[in-house]
PDB file of N, CA and C in Angstrom:
ATOM      1  N   MET A   1      41.333   9.184   0.337  1.00  0.00           N
ATOM      2  CA  MET A   1      40.014   9.268   0.949  1.00  0.00           C
ATOM      3  C   MET A   1      39.207   8.003   0.618  1.00  0.00           C
ATOM      4  N   PHE A   2      38.433   8.023  -0.445  1.00  0.00           N
ATOM      5  CA  PHE A   2      37.654   6.856  -0.865  1.00  0.00           C
ATOM      6  C   PHE A   2      38.170   6.355  -2.199  1.00  0.00           C
ATOM      7  N   GLU A   3      38.165   5.058  -2.350  1.00  0.00           N
ATOM      8  CA  GLU A   3      38.456   4.492  -3.660  1.00  0.00           C
ATOM      9  C   GLU A   3      37.147   4.298  -4.408  1.00  0.00           C
ATOM     10  N   PHE A   4      37.248   4.074  -5.692  1.00  0.00           N
ATOM     11  CA  PHE A   4      36.048   3.970  -6.527  1.00  0.00           C
ATOM     12  C   PHE A   4      35.159   2.806  -6.096  1.00  0.00           C
ATOM     13  N   ASP A   5      35.734   1.677  -5.693  1.00  0.00           N
ATOM     14  CA  ASP A   5      34.943   0.523  -5.245  1.00  0.00           C
ATOM     15  C   ASP A   5      34.143   0.853  -3.993  1.00  0.00           C
ATOM     16  N   GLN A   6      34.760   1.586  -3.081  1.00  0.00           N
ATOM     17  CA  GLN A   6      34.034   1.969  -1.869  1.00  0.00           C
ATOM     18  C   GLN A   6      32.889   2.924  -2.206  1.00  0.00           C
ATOM     19  N   TYR A   7      33.108   3.795  -3.155  1.00  0.00           N
ATOM     20  CA  TYR A   7      32.073   4.732  -3.579  1.00  0.00           C
ATOM     21  C   TYR A   7      30.892   3.972  -4.175  1.00  0.00           C
ATOM     22  N   LEU A   8      31.154   2.990  -5.020  1.00  0.00           N
ATOM     23  CA  LEU A   8      30.084   2.189  -5.605  1.00  0.00           C
ATOM     24  C   LEU A   8      29.346   1.391  -4.537  1.00  0.00           C
ATOM     25  N   GLY A   9      30.084   0.870  -3.573  1.00  0.00           N
ATOM     26  CA  GLY A   9      29.433   0.137  -2.488  1.00  0.00           C
ATOM     27  C   GLY A   9      28.529   1.037  -1.669  1.00  0.00           C
ATOM     28  N   PHE A  10      28.990   2.253  -1.411  1.00  0.00           N
ATOM     29  CA  PHE A  10      28.165   3.210  -0.672  1.00  0.00           C
ATOM     30  C   PHE A  10      26.911   3.571  -1.459  1.00  0.00           C
ATOM     31  N   LEU A  11      27.050   3.786  -2.762  1.00  0.00           N
ATOM     32  CA  LEU A  11      25.877   4.105  -3.584  1.00  0.00           C
ATOM     33  C   LEU A  11      24.886   2.943  -3.616  1.00  0.00           C
ATOM     34  N   ALA A  12      25.396   1.723  -3.727  1.00  0.00           N
ATOM     35  CA  ALA A  12      24.508   0.555  -3.722  1.00  0.00           C
ATOM     36  C   ALA A  12      23.773   0.452  -2.387  1.00  0.00           C
ATOM     37  N   PHE A  13      24.485   0.662  -1.297  1.00  0.00           N
ATOM     38  CA  PHE A  13      23.863   0.638   0.028  1.00  0.00           C
ATOM     39  C   PHE A  13      22.790   1.716   0.139  1.00  0.00           C
ATOM     40  N   LEU A  14      23.078   2.912  -0.332  1.00  0.00           N
ATOM     41  CA  LEU A  14      22.141   4.022  -0.256  1.00  0.00           C
ATOM     42  C   LEU A  14      20.892   3.736  -1.085  1.00  0.00           C
ATOM     43  N   ILE A  15      21.075   3.194  -2.269  1.00  0.00           N
ATOM     44  CA  ILE A  15      19.926   2.884  -3.136  1.00  0.00           C
ATOM     45  C   ILE A  15      19.061   1.807  -2.505  1.00  0.00           C
ATOM     46  N   ILE A  16      19.654   0.751  -1.972  1.00  0.00           N
ATOM     47  CA  ILE A  16      18.886  -0.313  -1.323  1.00  0.00           C
ATOM     48  C   ILE A  16      18.151   0.222  -0.104  1.00  0.00           C
ATOM     49  N   LEU A  17      18.798   1.071   0.666  1.00  0.00           N
ATOM     50  CA  LEU A  17      18.176   1.678   1.840  1.00  0.00           C
ATOM     51  C   LEU A  17      16.963   2.519   1.441  1.00  0.00           C
ATOM     52  N   LEU A  18      17.096   3.324   0.400  1.00  0.00           N
ATOM     53  CA  LEU A  18      15.990   4.172  -0.040  1.00  0.00           C
ATOM     54  C   LEU A  18      14.839   3.352  -0.615  1.00  0.00           C
ATOM     55  N   ILE A  19      15.156   2.297  -1.362  1.00  0.00           N
ATOM     56  CA  ILE A  19      14.103   1.432  -1.889  1.00  0.00           C
ATOM     57  C   ILE A  19      13.338   0.786  -0.736  1.00  0.00           C
ATOM     58  N   GLY A  20      14.061   0.318   0.266  1.00  0.00           N
ATOM     59  CA  GLY A  20      13.409  -0.271   1.435  1.00  0.00           C
ATOM     60  C   GLY A  20      12.538   0.733   2.166  1.00  0.00           C
ATOM     61  N   PHE A  21      13.001   1.966   2.278  1.00  0.00           N
ATOM     62  CA  PHE A  21      12.222   3.007   2.942  1.00  0.00           C
ATOM     63  C   PHE A  21      10.911   3.252   2.210  1.00  0.00           C
ATOM     64  N   TRP A  22      10.973   3.398   0.892  1.00  0.00           N
ATOM     65  CA  TRP A  22       9.749   3.693   0.151  1.00  0.00           C
ATOM     66  C   TRP A  22       8.804   2.495   0.104  1.00  0.00           C
ATOM     67  N   VAL A  23       9.337   1.281   0.095  1.00  0.00           N
ATOM     68  CA  VAL A  23       8.472   0.095   0.181  1.00  0.00           C
ATOM     69  C   VAL A  23       7.783   0.058   1.537  1.00  0.00           C
ATOM     70  N   MET A  24       8.487   0.414   2.597  1.00  0.00           N
ATOM     71  CA  MET A  24       7.872   0.451   3.926  1.00  0.00           C
ATOM     72  C   MET A  24       6.757   1.495   3.971  1.00  0.00           C
ATOM     73  N   ILE A  25       6.997   2.673   3.404  1.00  0.00           N
ATOM     74  CA  ILE A  25       5.962   3.709   3.359  1.00  0.00           C
ATOM     75  C   ILE A  25       4.751   3.189   2.583  1.00  0.00           C
ATOM     76  N   PHE A  26       4.973   2.527   1.461  1.00  0.00           N
ATOM     77  CA  PHE A  26       3.882   1.987   0.657  1.00  0.00           C
ATOM     78  C   PHE A  26       3.073   0.966   1.445  1.00  0.00           C
ATOM     79  N   LEU A  27       3.770   0.053   2.119  1.00  0.00           N
ATOM     80  CA  LEU A  27       3.072  -1.008   2.837  1.00  0.00           C
ATOM     81  C   LEU A  27       2.302  -0.488   4.042  1.00  0.00           C
ATOM     82  N   THR A  28       2.798   0.555   4.699  1.00  0.00           N
ATOM     83  CA  THR A  28       2.136   1.045   5.903  1.00  0.00           C
ATOM     84  C   THR A  28       1.086   2.106   5.618  1.00  0.00           C
ATOM     85  N   ALA A  29       1.077   2.704   4.438  1.00  0.00           N
ATOM     86  CA  ALA A  29       0.142   3.788   4.161  1.00  0.00           C
ATOM     87  C   ALA A  29      -0.880   3.420   3.090  1.00  0.00           C
ATOM     88  N   ILE A  30      -0.441   2.913   1.970  1.00  0.00           N
ATOM     89  CA  ILE A  30      -1.335   2.743   0.827  1.00  0.00           C
ATOM     90  C   ILE A  30      -2.141   1.454   0.923  1.00  0.00           C
ATOM     91  N   ILE A  31      -1.520   0.375   1.343  1.00  0.00           N
ATOM     92  CA  ILE A  31      -2.236  -0.903   1.369  1.00  0.00           C
ATOM     93  C   ILE A  31      -3.380  -0.914   2.392  1.00  0.00           C
ATOM     94  N   PRO A  32      -3.209  -0.408   3.639  1.00  0.00           N
ATOM     95  CA  PRO A  32      -4.372  -0.352   4.543  1.00  0.00           C
ATOM     96  C   PRO A  32      -5.495   0.525   3.987  1.00  0.00           C
ATOM     97  N   TYR A  33      -5.160   1.626   3.315  1.00  0.00           N
ATOM     98  CA  TYR A  33      -6.164   2.484   2.693  1.00  0.00           C
ATOM     99  C   TYR A  33      -6.919   1.707   1.614  1.00  0.00           C
ATOM    100  N   TRP A  34      -6.208   0.931   0.828  1.00  0.00           N
ATOM    101  CA  TRP A  34      -6.797   0.141  -0.248  1.00  0.00           C
ATOM    102  C   TRP A  34      -7.737  -0.930   0.337  1.00  0.00           C
ATOM    103  N   ILE A  35      -7.277  -1.632   1.372  1.00  0.00           N
ATOM    104  CA  ILE A  35      -8.093  -2.668   1.999  1.00  0.00           C
ATOM    105  C   ILE A  35      -9.333  -2.052   2.644  1.00  0.00           C
ATOM    106  N   GLY A  36      -9.165  -0.926   3.323  1.00  0.00           N
ATOM    107  CA  GLY A  36     -10.305  -0.248   3.945  1.00  0.00           C
ATOM    108  C   GLY A  36     -11.347   0.169   2.929  1.00  0.00           C
ATOM    109  N   GLY A  37     -10.914   0.689   1.803  1.00  0.00           N
ATOM    110  CA  GLY A  37     -11.848   1.078   0.738  1.00  0.00           C
ATOM    111  C   GLY A  37     -12.585  -0.120   0.171  1.00  0.00           C
ATOM    112  N   SER A  38     -11.902  -1.238   0.019  1.00  0.00           N
ATOM    113  CA  SER A  38     -12.544  -2.448  -0.501  1.00  0.00           C
ATOM    114  C   SER A  38     -13.603  -2.968   0.467  1.00  0.00           C
ATOM    115  N   VAL A  39     -13.288  -2.952   1.761  1.00  0.00           N
ATOM    116  CA  VAL A  39     -14.246  -3.415   2.768  1.00  0.00           C
ATOM    117  C   VAL A  39     -15.465  -2.498   2.794  1.00  0.00           C
ATOM    118  N   LYS A  40     -15.245  -1.189   2.729  1.00  0.00           N
ATOM    119  CA  LYS A  40     -16.350  -0.235   2.733  1.00  0.00           C
ATOM    120  C   LYS A  40     -17.251  -0.452   1.519  1.00  0.00           C
ATOM    121  N   GLU A  41     -16.645  -0.662   0.353  1.00  0.00           N
ATOM    122  CA  GLU A  41     -17.423  -0.892  -0.853  1.00  0.00           C
ATOM    123  C   GLU A  41     -18.236  -2.183  -0.742  1.00  0.00           C
ATOM    124  N   MET A  42     -17.633  -3.240  -0.179  1.00  0.00           N
ATOM    125  CA  MET A  42     -18.340  -4.499  -0.016  1.00  0.00           C
ATOM    126  C   MET A  42     -19.537  -4.333   0.923  1.00  0.00           C
ATOM    127  N   LEU A  43     -19.350  -3.602   2.023  1.00  0.00           N
ATOM    128  CA  LEU A  43     -20.452  -3.380   2.961  1.00  0.00           C
ATOM    129  C   LEU A  43     -21.557  -2.542   2.332  1.00  0.00           C
ATOM    130  N   ASP A  44     -21.186  -1.535   1.539  1.00  0.00           N
ATOM    131  CA  ASP A  44     -22.190  -0.723   0.850  1.00  0.00           C
ATOM    132  C   ASP A  44     -23.002  -1.560  -0.131  1.00  0.00           C
ATOM    133  N   GLU A  45     -22.336  -2.483  -0.831  1.00  0.00           N
ATOM    134  CA  GLU A  45     -23.048  -3.351  -1.770  1.00  0.00           C
ATOM    135  C   GLU A  45     -24.034  -4.259  -1.037  1.00  0.00           C
ATOM    136  N   ARG A  46     -23.630  -4.817   0.105  1.00  0.00           N
ATOM    137  CA  ARG A  46     -24.545  -5.658   0.888  1.00  0.00           C
ATOM    138  C   ARG A  46     -25.742  -4.858   1.374  1.00  0.00           C
ATOM    139  N   LYS A  47     -25.485  -3.637   1.836  1.00  0.00           N
ATOM    140  CA  LYS A  47     -26.553  -2.777   2.329  1.00  0.00           C
ATOM    141  C   LYS A  47     -27.545  -2.452   1.200  1.00  0.00           C
ATOM    142  N   GLU A  48     -27.022  -2.149   0.018  1.00  0.00           N
ATOM    143  CA  GLU A  48     -27.873  -1.852  -1.129  1.00  0.00           C
ATOM    144  C   GLU A  48     -28.683  -3.079  -1.546  1.00  0.00           C
ATOM    145  N   LYS A  49     -28.072  -4.263  -1.487  1.00  0.00           N
ATOM    146  CA  LYS A  49     -28.782  -5.494  -1.839  1.00  0.00           C
ATOM    147  C   LYS A  49     -29.919  -5.749  -0.859  1.00  0.00           C
ATOM    148  N   LYS A  50     -29.656  -5.560   0.444  1.00  0.00           N
ATOM    149  CA  LYS A  50     -30.714  -5.747   1.437  1.00  0.00           C
ATOM    150  C   LYS A  50     -31.840  -4.741   1.230  1.00  0.00           C
ATOM    151  N   ARG A  51     -31.493  -3.503   0.885  1.00  0.00           N
ATOM    152  CA  ARG A  51     -32.507  -2.473   0.659  1.00  0.00           C
ATOM    153  C   ARG A  51     -33.383  -2.819  -0.558  1.00  0.00           C
ATOM    154  N   ARG A  52     -32.774  -3.334  -1.627  1.00  0.00           N
ATOM    155  CA  ARG A  52     -33.548  -3.735  -2.815  1.00  0.00           C
ATOM    156  C   ARG A  52     -34.465  -4.906  -2.497  1.00  0.00           C
ATOM    157  N   GLU A  53     -33.971  -5.874  -1.709  1.00  0.00           N
ATOM    158  CA  GLU A  53     -34.807  -7.028  -1.346  1.00  0.00           C
ATOM    159  C   GLU A  53     -35.988  -6.583  -0.477  1.00  0.00           C
ATOM    160  N   LYS A  54     -35.746  -5.622   0.385  1.00  0.00           N
ATOM    161  CA  LYS A  54     -36.805  -5.132   1.242  1.00  0.00           C
ATOM    162  C   LYS A  54     -37.860  -4.392   0.429  1.00  0.00           C
ATOM    163  N   GLU A  55     -37.478  -3.674  -0.609  1.00  0.00           N
ATOM    164  CA  GLU A  55     -38.423  -2.951  -1.464  1.00  0.00           C
ATOM    165  C   GLU A  55     -39.284  -3.914  -2.273  1.00  0.00           C
ATOM    166  N   LYS A  56     -38.750  -5.093  -2.637  1.00  0.00           N
ATOM    167  CA  LYS A  56     -39.519  -6.064  -3.438  1.00  0.00           C
ATOM    168  C   LYS A  56     -40.648  -6.674  -2.626  1.00  0.00           C
ATOM    169  N   GLU A  57     -40.456  -6.773  -1.310  1.00  0.00           N
ATOM    170  CA  GLU A  57     -41.474  -7.435  -0.473  1.00  0.00           C
ATOM    171  C   GLU A  57     -42.696  -6.601  -0.288  1.00  0.00           C
TER     172      GLU A  57
END
C-alpha cells in the first residue's frame, strides 16, 4: 500500500496545507477587523480633540 516515506510526505503536505489554510483565515478575518478598529479609534480621538478645542473657545 504505502511506504513510510510516502506517509511522511503525505503528512508534510497535510501540515503545510493546514497551516496555509489557517494563515488565510487569519489574514482575511482578523487583520481587517484590527485595521477597522484602529481607524475607528483614530477618528474618535480626532472628534474628541475637536470637541475639546470647541469648548475652550
